[in-house]
């Protein structure tokens, strides 16, 4: 993947499934990487214009829009703009990082660990000086109040309205994964946002092909018989990926 944008076509052992005749793009964890998001959306728009042929075009964002990368505010600005303009059918899922950011807004002292895994970068993107995680409670209360003064109402509403799961045809889209052996309709929010080893290590069928983010090991998506992980660690690898799905065909779009 040496170029700014690349397409990786389906391989023979990749899973196949239907998406009710739609053209779907599932976007992996953005983590404050605005430049890659902008490039990937440009690529998606170009691809959809060339190949939709009247089909419904849907973009599903799998969560973790904030933290770690340098431009969380710009990312949320862009996603809120998309939500207002609706150039495609859009669905936005909640990630564990959005959950913890909302937790810091509600109870900053209890959620102070957010600052250890990306919250400091998010505060800085809003012009807020982050306290150290172990600073006294009043420092976190002051940082939260400063954030609320700078956080656009549209950003807060966006974070509060995120979905947990989307199902289309033979596919289900979630942030982290699902609890194996539990029906999709009975999944717990904590698992959908946080599960890792129990899901990643499972080889059983889940009823649908699970498309998820949250766990990455390289700048290439993880394609398995019953799941497809499209988090490619954009904040470290520089690569943001999307899974392109149409009936019985998959491909990967990537922006570096």
C-alpha atoms as a PDB file:
ATOM      1  CA  UNK A   1       0.000   0.000   0.000  1.00  0.00           C
ATOM      2  CA  UNK A   2       2.455   2.606  -1.135  1.00  0.00           C
ATOM      3  CA  UNK A   3      -0.018   5.064  -2.643  1.00  0.00           C
ATOM      4  CA  UNK A   4      -2.312   7.553  -0.907  1.00  0.00           C
ATOM      5  CA  UNK A   5      -5.291   5.362  -1.788  1.00  0.00           C
ATOM      6  CA  UNK A   6      -5.472   1.712  -2.763  1.00  0.00           C
ATOM      7  CA  UNK A   7      -8.019  -0.984  -3.511  1.00  0.00           C
ATOM      8  CA  UNK A   8      -7.517  -4.601  -2.436  1.00  0.00           C
ATOM      9  CA  UNK A   9      -9.882  -6.945  -4.229  1.00  0.00           C
ATOM     10  CA  UNK A  10     -11.599  -9.966  -2.743  1.00  0.00           C
ATOM     11  CA  UNK A  11      -9.606 -13.164  -2.467  1.00  0.00           C
ATOM     12  CA  UNK A  12     -11.073 -16.670  -3.034  1.00  0.00           C
ATOM     13  CA  UNK A  13     -11.339 -17.546   0.667  1.00  0.00           C
ATOM     14  CA  UNK A  14     -13.067 -14.320   1.702  1.00  0.00           C
ATOM     15  CA  UNK A  15     -16.658 -14.725   2.954  1.00  0.00           C
ATOM     16  CA  UNK A  16     -19.567 -13.940   0.661  1.00  0.00           C
ATOM     17  CA  UNK A  17     -22.975 -12.594   1.521  1.00  0.00           C
ATOM     18  CA  UNK A  18     -25.889 -10.457   0.412  1.00  0.00           C
ATOM     19  CA  UNK A  19     -26.590  -6.837   1.384  1.00  0.00           C
ATOM     20  CA  UNK A  20     -30.085  -6.523  -0.084  1.00  0.00           C
ATOM     21  CA  UNK A  21     -28.816  -5.079  -3.357  1.00  0.00           C
ATOM     22  CA  UNK A  22     -27.095  -2.137  -1.690  1.00  0.00           C
ATOM     23  CA  UNK A  23     -23.591  -0.747  -2.088  1.00  0.00           C
ATOM     24  CA  UNK A  24     -22.092  -0.427   1.393  1.00  0.00           C
ATOM     25  CA  UNK A  25     -18.878   1.092   2.660  1.00  0.00           C
ATOM     26  CA  UNK A  26     -17.935   0.293   6.279  1.00  0.00           C
ATOM     27  CA  UNK A  27     -15.294   2.664   7.641  1.00  0.00           C
ATOM     28  CA  UNK A  28     -12.892   1.544  10.360  1.00  0.00           C
ATOM     29  CA  UNK A  29     -11.642   3.349  13.473  1.00  0.00           C
ATOM     30  CA  UNK A  30     -10.700   6.957  12.630  1.00  0.00           C
ATOM     31  CA  UNK A  31      -9.188   8.017  15.974  1.00  0.00           C
ATOM     32  CA  UNK A  32      -8.728  11.692  15.196  1.00  0.00           C
ATOM     33  CA  UNK A  33      -7.007  11.107  11.825  1.00  0.00           C
ATOM     34  CA  UNK A  34      -8.775  13.783   9.814  1.00  0.00           C
ATOM     35  CA  UNK A  35      -6.465  13.800   6.788  1.00  0.00           C
ATOM     36  CA  UNK A  36      -6.950  10.084   6.165  1.00  0.00           C
ATOM     37  CA  UNK A  37     -10.716  10.442   6.658  1.00  0.00           C
ATOM     38  CA  UNK A  38     -10.904  13.214   4.091  1.00  0.00           C
ATOM     39  CA  UNK A  39      -8.945  11.169   1.553  1.00  0.00           C
ATOM     40  CA  UNK A  40     -10.982   8.031   2.165  1.00  0.00           C
ATOM     41  CA  UNK A  41     -14.305   9.866   1.822  1.00  0.00           C
ATOM     42  CA  UNK A  42     -13.112  11.364  -1.458  1.00  0.00           C
ATOM     43  CA  UNK A  43     -12.274   7.886  -2.694  1.00  0.00           C
ATOM     44  CA  UNK A  44     -15.628   6.497  -1.549  1.00  0.00           C
ATOM     45  CA  UNK A  45     -17.531   9.313  -3.246  1.00  0.00           C
ATOM     46  CA  UNK A  46     -15.669   8.723  -6.503  1.00  0.00           C
ATOM     47  CA  UNK A  47     -16.179   4.967  -6.367  1.00  0.00           C
ATOM     48  CA  UNK A  48     -19.887   5.292  -5.568  1.00  0.00           C
ATOM     49  CA  UNK A  49     -20.448   7.762  -8.392  1.00  0.00           C
ATOM     50  CA  UNK A  50     -18.849   5.334 -10.834  1.00  0.00           C
ATOM     51  CA  UNK A  51     -20.465   2.119  -9.640  1.00  0.00           C
ATOM     52  CA  UNK A  52     -23.688   2.671  -7.674  1.00  0.00           C
ATOM     53  CA  UNK A  53     -25.879   2.480 -10.806  1.00  0.00           C
ATOM     54  CA  UNK A  54     -28.999   3.538  -8.950  1.00  0.00           C
ATOM     55  CA  UNK A  55     -28.421   1.318  -5.921  1.00  0.00           C
ATOM     56  CA  UNK A  56     -28.773   2.641  -2.395  1.00  0.00           C
ATOM     57  CA  UNK A  57     -25.321   3.688  -1.205  1.00  0.00           C
ATOM     58  CA  UNK A  58     -24.697   3.414   2.536  1.00  0.00           C
ATOM     59  CA  UNK A  59     -21.671   4.406   4.602  1.00  0.00           C
ATOM     60  CA  UNK A  60     -21.472   2.785   8.030  1.00  0.00           C
ATOM     61  CA  UNK A  61     -18.926   4.243  10.439  1.00  0.00           C
ATOM     62  CA  UNK A  62     -17.841   1.707  13.065  1.00  0.00           C
ATOM     63  CA  UNK A  63     -16.983   4.086  15.913  1.00  0.00           C
ATOM     64  CA  UNK A  64     -13.854   5.375  17.665  1.00  0.00           C
ATOM     65  CA  UNK A  65     -13.886   8.729  15.919  1.00  0.00           C
ATOM     66  CA  UNK A  66     -11.957  10.454  18.721  1.00  0.00           C
ATOM     67  CA  UNK A  67      -8.759  10.014  20.765  1.00  0.00           C
ATOM     68  CA  UNK A  68      -5.136   9.124  20.008  1.00  0.00           C
ATOM     69  CA  UNK A  69      -4.865  11.057  16.722  1.00  0.00           C
ATOM     70  CA  UNK A  70      -4.354  14.839  16.577  1.00  0.00           C
ATOM     71  CA  UNK A  71      -7.637  16.068  15.076  1.00  0.00           C
ATOM     72  CA  UNK A  72     -10.671  14.650  16.896  1.00  0.00           C
ATOM     73  CA  UNK A  73     -12.520  17.970  16.674  1.00  0.00           C
ATOM     74  CA  UNK A  74     -12.005  18.143  12.908  1.00  0.00           C
ATOM     75  CA  UNK A  75     -13.193  14.555  12.535  1.00  0.00           C
ATOM     76  CA  UNK A  76     -16.418  15.284  14.430  1.00  0.00           C
ATOM     77  CA  UNK A  77     -16.874  18.483  12.425  1.00  0.00           C
ATOM     78  CA  UNK A  78     -16.642  16.452   9.215  1.00  0.00           C
ATOM     79  CA  UNK A  79     -19.014  13.734  10.403  1.00  0.00           C
ATOM     80  CA  UNK A  80     -21.578  16.271  11.641  1.00  0.00           C
ATOM     81  CA  UNK A  81     -21.349  17.998   8.257  1.00  0.00           C
ATOM     82  CA  UNK A  82     -21.993  14.675   6.514  1.00  0.00           C
ATOM     83  CA  UNK A  83     -24.946  14.009   8.807  1.00  0.00           C
ATOM     84  CA  UNK A  84     -26.479  17.375   7.887  1.00  0.00           C
ATOM     85  CA  UNK A  85     -25.846  17.092   4.147  1.00  0.00           C
ATOM     86  CA  UNK A  86     -26.690  13.361   3.791  1.00  0.00           C
ATOM     87  CA  UNK A  87     -24.905  12.762   0.476  1.00  0.00           C
ATOM     88  CA  UNK A  88     -25.458   9.035   1.111  1.00  0.00           C
ATOM     89  CA  UNK A  89     -27.425   6.931   3.543  1.00  0.00           C
ATOM     90  CA  UNK A  90     -25.305   7.187   6.698  1.00  0.00           C
ATOM     91  CA  UNK A  91     -25.153   5.218   9.924  1.00  0.00           C
ATOM     92  CA  UNK A  92     -22.826   5.976  12.806  1.00  0.00           C
ATOM     93  CA  UNK A  93     -21.940   3.384  15.444  1.00  0.00           C
ATOM     94  CA  UNK A  94     -20.677   4.036  18.943  1.00  0.00           C
ATOM     95  CA  UNK A  95     -17.175   3.007  19.948  1.00  0.00           C
ATOM     96  CA  UNK A  96     -15.683   2.493  23.379  1.00  0.00           C
ATOM     97  CA  UNK A  97     -13.764   5.764  23.045  1.00  0.00           C
ATOM     98  CA  UNK A  98     -16.983   7.714  22.545  1.00  0.00           C
ATOM     99  CA  UNK A  99     -18.429   5.984  25.594  1.00  0.00           C
ATOM    100  CA  UNK A 100     -15.481   7.036  27.746  1.00  0.00           C
ATOM    101  CA  UNK A 101     -15.481  10.600  26.387  1.00  0.00           C
ATOM    102  CA  UNK A 102     -19.149  10.893  27.334  1.00  0.00           C
ATOM    103  CA  UNK A 103     -18.264   9.430  30.715  1.00  0.00           C
ATOM    104  CA  UNK A 104     -15.652  12.139  31.245  1.00  0.00           C
ATOM    105  CA  UNK A 105     -18.194  14.805  30.345  1.00  0.00           C
ATOM    106  CA  UNK A 106     -20.671  13.364  32.852  1.00  0.00           C
ATOM    107  CA  UNK A 107     -18.307  12.382  35.705  1.00  0.00           C
ATOM    108  CA  UNK A 108     -14.743  13.519  34.956  1.00  0.00           C
ATOM    109  CA  UNK A 109     -13.191  12.281  38.181  1.00  0.00           C
ATOM    110  CA  UNK A 110     -14.586   8.773  37.772  1.00  0.00           C
ATOM    111  CA  UNK A 111     -13.581   8.659  34.077  1.00  0.00           C
ATOM    112  CA  UNK A 112     -10.131  10.224  34.430  1.00  0.00           C
ATOM    113  CA  UNK A 113      -8.454   7.113  32.929  1.00  0.00           C
ATOM    114  CA  UNK A 114      -9.720   8.388  29.567  1.00  0.00           C
ATOM    115  CA  UNK A 115      -6.695  10.678  29.542  1.00  0.00           C
ATOM    116  CA  UNK A 116      -4.333   7.679  29.461  1.00  0.00           C
ATOM    117  CA  UNK A 117      -5.645   6.255  26.171  1.00  0.00           C
ATOM    118  CA  UNK A 118      -6.351   9.210  23.951  1.00  0.00           C
ATOM    119  CA  UNK A 119      -8.424  11.673  25.939  1.00  0.00           C
ATOM    120  CA  UNK A 120      -5.545  14.114  26.295  1.00  0.00           C
ATOM    121  CA  UNK A 121      -5.224  14.404  22.520  1.00  0.00           C
ATOM    122  CA  UNK A 122      -8.964  14.959  22.191  1.00  0.00           C
ATOM    123  CA  UNK A 123      -8.963  17.725  24.798  1.00  0.00           C
ATOM    124  CA  UNK A 124      -6.037  19.381  23.031  1.00  0.00           C
ATOM    125  CA  UNK A 125      -7.913  19.289  19.713  1.00  0.00           C
ATOM    126  CA  UNK A 126     -10.590  21.456  21.375  1.00  0.00           C
ATOM    127  CA  UNK A 127      -8.002  23.837  22.816  1.00  0.00           C
ATOM    128  CA  UNK A 128      -8.305  22.438  26.347  1.00  0.00           C
ATOM    129  CA  UNK A 129      -5.149  21.877  28.392  1.00  0.00           C
ATOM    130  CA  UNK A 130      -5.450  18.293  29.666  1.00  0.00           C
ATOM    131  CA  UNK A 131      -4.740  17.554  33.305  1.00  0.00           C
ATOM    132  CA  UNK A 132      -2.656  14.543  34.262  1.00  0.00           C
ATOM    133  CA  UNK A 133      -4.804  11.506  35.108  1.00  0.00           C
ATOM    134  CA  UNK A 134      -3.634  11.633  38.736  1.00  0.00           C
ATOM    135  CA  UNK A 135      -4.272  15.345  39.195  1.00  0.00           C
ATOM    136  CA  UNK A 136      -6.747  16.300  41.944  1.00  0.00           C
ATOM    137  CA  UNK A 137     -10.500  16.189  41.220  1.00  0.00           C
ATOM    138  CA  UNK A 138     -10.824  19.941  40.761  1.00  0.00           C
ATOM    139  CA  UNK A 139      -8.407  19.826  37.801  1.00  0.00           C
ATOM    140  CA  UNK A 140     -10.618  17.324  35.998  1.00  0.00           C
ATOM    141  CA  UNK A 141     -13.779  19.255  36.801  1.00  0.00           C
ATOM    142  CA  UNK A 142     -12.170  22.402  35.398  1.00  0.00           C
ATOM    143  CA  UNK A 143     -11.034  20.576  32.235  1.00  0.00           C
ATOM    144  CA  UNK A 144     -14.516  19.142  31.729  1.00  0.00           C
ATOM    145  CA  UNK A 145     -16.098  22.584  32.139  1.00  0.00           C
ATOM    146  CA  UNK A 146     -13.605  24.059  29.691  1.00  0.00           C
ATOM    147  CA  UNK A 147     -14.418  21.299  27.215  1.00  0.00           C
ATOM    148  CA  UNK A 148     -18.152  21.937  27.511  1.00  0.00           C
ATOM    149  CA  UNK A 149     -17.583  25.618  26.745  1.00  0.00           C
ATOM    150  CA  UNK A 150     -15.727  24.696  23.545  1.00  0.00           C
ATOM    151  CA  UNK A 151     -17.658  21.585  22.464  1.00  0.00           C
ATOM    152  CA  UNK A 152     -20.241  22.416  19.781  1.00  0.00           C
ATOM    153  CA  UNK A 153     -23.762  21.296  20.640  1.00  0.00           C
ATOM    154  CA  UNK A 154     -23.816  19.375  17.357  1.00  0.00           C
ATOM    155  CA  UNK A 155     -20.818  17.314  18.504  1.00  0.00           C
ATOM    156  CA  UNK A 156     -22.471  16.416  21.802  1.00  0.00           C
ATOM    157  CA  UNK A 157     -25.726  15.427  20.101  1.00  0.00           C
ATOM    158  CA  UNK A 158     -23.786  13.370  17.582  1.00  0.00           C
ATOM    159  CA  UNK A 159     -22.031  11.459  20.378  1.00  0.00           C
ATOM    160  CA  UNK A 160     -25.271  10.888  22.274  1.00  0.00           C
ATOM    161  CA  UNK A 161     -27.170   9.572  19.219  1.00  0.00           C
ATOM    162  CA  UNK A 162     -24.734   6.854  18.102  1.00  0.00           C
ATOM    163  CA  UNK A 163     -26.073   3.350  17.387  1.00  0.00           C
ATOM    164  CA  UNK A 164     -24.767   0.043  18.739  1.00  0.00           C
ATOM    165  CA  UNK A 165     -25.414  -2.346  15.831  1.00  0.00           C
ATOM    166  CA  UNK A 166     -26.600  -2.249  12.236  1.00  0.00           C
ATOM    167  CA  UNK A 167     -27.746  -5.304  10.300  1.00  0.00           C
ATOM    168  CA  UNK A 168     -27.951  -5.498   6.515  1.00  0.00           C
ATOM    169  CA  UNK A 169     -28.654  -8.794   4.782  1.00  0.00           C
ATOM    170  CA  UNK A 170     -26.052 -11.385   5.750  1.00  0.00           C
ATOM    171  CA  UNK A 171     -23.889  -8.845   7.606  1.00  0.00           C
ATOM    172  CA  UNK A 172     -23.995  -7.234  11.055  1.00  0.00           C
ATOM    173  CA  UNK A 173     -21.893  -4.169  11.838  1.00  0.00           C
ATOM    174  CA  UNK A 174     -20.648  -3.435  15.372  1.00  0.00           C
ATOM    175  CA  UNK A 175     -17.718  -1.623  16.931  1.00  0.00           C
ATOM    176  CA  UNK A 176     -15.790  -4.258  18.888  1.00  0.00           C
ATOM    177  CA  UNK A 177     -17.524  -7.568  18.188  1.00  0.00           C
ATOM    178  CA  UNK A 178     -20.139  -9.797  19.778  1.00  0.00           C
ATOM    179  CA  UNK A 179     -20.310 -12.362  22.554  1.00  0.00           C
ATOM    180  CA  UNK A 180     -20.044 -15.789  20.840  1.00  0.00           C
ATOM    181  CA  UNK A 181     -22.989 -18.077  21.498  1.00  0.00           C
ATOM    182  CA  UNK A 182     -25.359 -15.205  22.295  1.00  0.00           C
ATOM    183  CA  UNK A 183     -28.056 -14.212  19.795  1.00  0.00           C
ATOM    184  CA  UNK A 184     -27.439 -10.873  18.101  1.00  0.00           C
ATOM    185  CA  UNK A 185     -30.691  -9.535  19.518  1.00  0.00           C
ATOM    186  CA  UNK A 186     -29.473 -10.280  23.069  1.00  0.00           C
ATOM    187  CA  UNK A 187     -25.979  -8.782  22.919  1.00  0.00           C
ATOM    188  CA  UNK A 188     -24.897  -6.543  25.786  1.00  0.00           C
ATOM    189  CA  UNK A 189     -23.680  -2.999  25.102  1.00  0.00           C
ATOM    190  CA  UNK A 190     -20.456  -3.618  27.017  1.00  0.00           C
ATOM    191  CA  UNK A 191     -19.531  -6.482  24.692  1.00  0.00           C
ATOM    192  CA  UNK A 192     -20.457  -4.573  21.537  1.00  0.00           C
ATOM    193  CA  UNK A 193     -18.117  -1.759  22.603  1.00  0.00           C
ATOM    194  CA  UNK A 194     -15.292  -3.564  24.416  1.00  0.00           C
ATOM    195  CA  UNK A 195     -15.044  -7.306  23.687  1.00  0.00           C
ATOM    196  CA  UNK A 196     -11.783  -8.522  22.254  1.00  0.00           C
ATOM    197  CA  UNK A 197     -10.140 -11.901  22.887  1.00  0.00           C
ATOM    198  CA  UNK A 198     -13.311 -13.974  23.329  1.00  0.00           C
ATOM    199  CA  UNK A 199     -14.635 -12.724  19.991  1.00  0.00           C
ATOM    200  CA  UNK A 200     -11.381 -12.551  18.033  1.00  0.00           C
ATOM    201  CA  UNK A 201     -10.453 -16.079  19.072  1.00  0.00           C
ATOM    202  CA  UNK A 202     -13.820 -17.603  18.192  1.00  0.00           C
ATOM    203  CA  UNK A 203     -14.170 -19.637  15.001  1.00  0.00           C
ATOM    204  CA  UNK A 204     -17.886 -20.368  15.296  1.00  0.00           C
ATOM    205  CA  UNK A 205     -20.584 -18.934  13.049  1.00  0.00           C
ATOM    206  CA  UNK A 206     -22.471 -15.972  14.482  1.00  0.00           C
ATOM    207  CA  UNK A 207     -25.498 -16.176  12.194  1.00  0.00           C
ATOM    208  CA  UNK A 208     -24.243 -13.209  10.205  1.00  0.00           C
ATOM    209  CA  UNK A 209     -20.808 -12.105   9.048  1.00  0.00           C
ATOM    210  CA  UNK A 210     -19.644  -9.626  11.697  1.00  0.00           C
ATOM    211  CA  UNK A 211     -17.916  -6.473  10.430  1.00  0.00           C
ATOM    212  CA  UNK A 212     -16.074  -4.729  13.254  1.00  0.00           C
ATOM    213  CA  UNK A 213     -13.282  -2.401  14.308  1.00  0.00           C
ATOM    214  CA  UNK A 214     -11.576  -2.029  17.720  1.00  0.00           C
ATOM    215  CA  UNK A 215      -8.815  -4.645  17.258  1.00  0.00           C
ATOM    216  CA  UNK A 216      -5.957  -4.310  14.790  1.00  0.00           C
ATOM    217  CA  UNK A 217      -2.567  -5.914  14.210  1.00  0.00           C
ATOM    218  CA  UNK A 218      -1.319  -4.282  10.988  1.00  0.00           C
ATOM    219  CA  UNK A 219      -2.291  -1.848   8.236  1.00  0.00           C
ATOM    220  CA  UNK A 220      -4.367  -4.591   6.572  1.00  0.00           C
ATOM    221  CA  UNK A 221      -7.887  -5.660   7.561  1.00  0.00           C
ATOM    222  CA  UNK A 222      -8.411  -9.068   9.160  1.00  0.00           C
ATOM    223  CA  UNK A 223     -10.637 -11.192   6.930  1.00  0.00           C
ATOM    224  CA  UNK A 224     -11.903 -14.419   8.490  1.00  0.00           C
ATOM    225  CA  UNK A 225     -14.764 -16.797   7.575  1.00  0.00           C
ATOM    226  CA  UNK A 226     -17.209 -15.297  10.101  1.00  0.00           C
ATOM    227  CA  UNK A 227     -15.823 -11.825  10.775  1.00  0.00           C
ATOM    228  CA  UNK A 228     -14.015  -8.955   9.054  1.00  0.00           C
ATOM    229  CA  UNK A 229     -11.980  -6.540  11.174  1.00  0.00           C
ATOM    230  CA  UNK A 230     -11.340  -3.246   9.408  1.00  0.00           C
ATOM    231  CA  UNK A 231      -9.502  -1.285  12.085  1.00  0.00           C
ATOM    232  CA  UNK A 232      -6.034  -0.760  10.602  1.00  0.00           C
ATOM    233  CA  UNK A 233      -4.578   1.406  13.386  1.00  0.00           C
ATOM    234  CA  UNK A 234      -4.773   4.705  11.514  1.00  0.00           C
ATOM    235  CA  UNK A 235      -3.240   6.693  14.369  1.00  0.00           C
ATOM    236  CA  UNK A 236      -0.073   4.523  14.229  1.00  0.00           C
ATOM    237  CA  UNK A 237       0.063   3.007  10.736  1.00  0.00           C
ATOM    238  CA  UNK A 238      -1.324   6.048   8.912  1.00  0.00           C
ATOM    239  CA  UNK A 239      -3.782   3.791   7.047  1.00  0.00           C
ATOM    240  CA  UNK A 240      -7.551   4.223   7.351  1.00  0.00           C
ATOM    241  CA  UNK A 241      -9.562   1.449   5.692  1.00  0.00           C
ATOM    242  CA  UNK A 242     -13.090   0.814   4.495  1.00  0.00           C
ATOM    243  CA  UNK A 243     -14.764  -2.436   3.483  1.00  0.00           C
ATOM    244  CA  UNK A 244     -16.727  -2.132   0.244  1.00  0.00           C
ATOM    245  CA  UNK A 245     -19.607  -4.619   0.128  1.00  0.00           C
ATOM    246  CA  UNK A 246     -22.052  -5.497  -2.604  1.00  0.00           C
ATOM    247  CA  UNK A 247     -23.950  -8.737  -3.074  1.00  0.00           C
ATOM    248  CA  UNK A 248     -21.420 -11.601  -3.113  1.00  0.00           C
ATOM    249  CA  UNK A 249     -18.415  -9.333  -3.481  1.00  0.00           C
ATOM    250  CA  UNK A 250     -15.998  -7.579  -1.110  1.00  0.00           C
ATOM    251  CA  UNK A 251     -13.072  -5.226  -1.582  1.00  0.00           C
ATOM    252  CA  UNK A 252     -10.971  -2.944   0.605  1.00  0.00           C
ATOM    253  CA  UNK A 253     -10.424   0.762   0.091  1.00  0.00           C
ATOM    254  CA  UNK A 254      -7.588   2.396   2.002  1.00  0.00           C
ATOM    255  CA  UNK A 255      -6.256   5.921   2.421  1.00  0.00           C
ATOM    256  CA  UNK A 256      -2.788   6.643   3.750  1.00  0.00           C
END
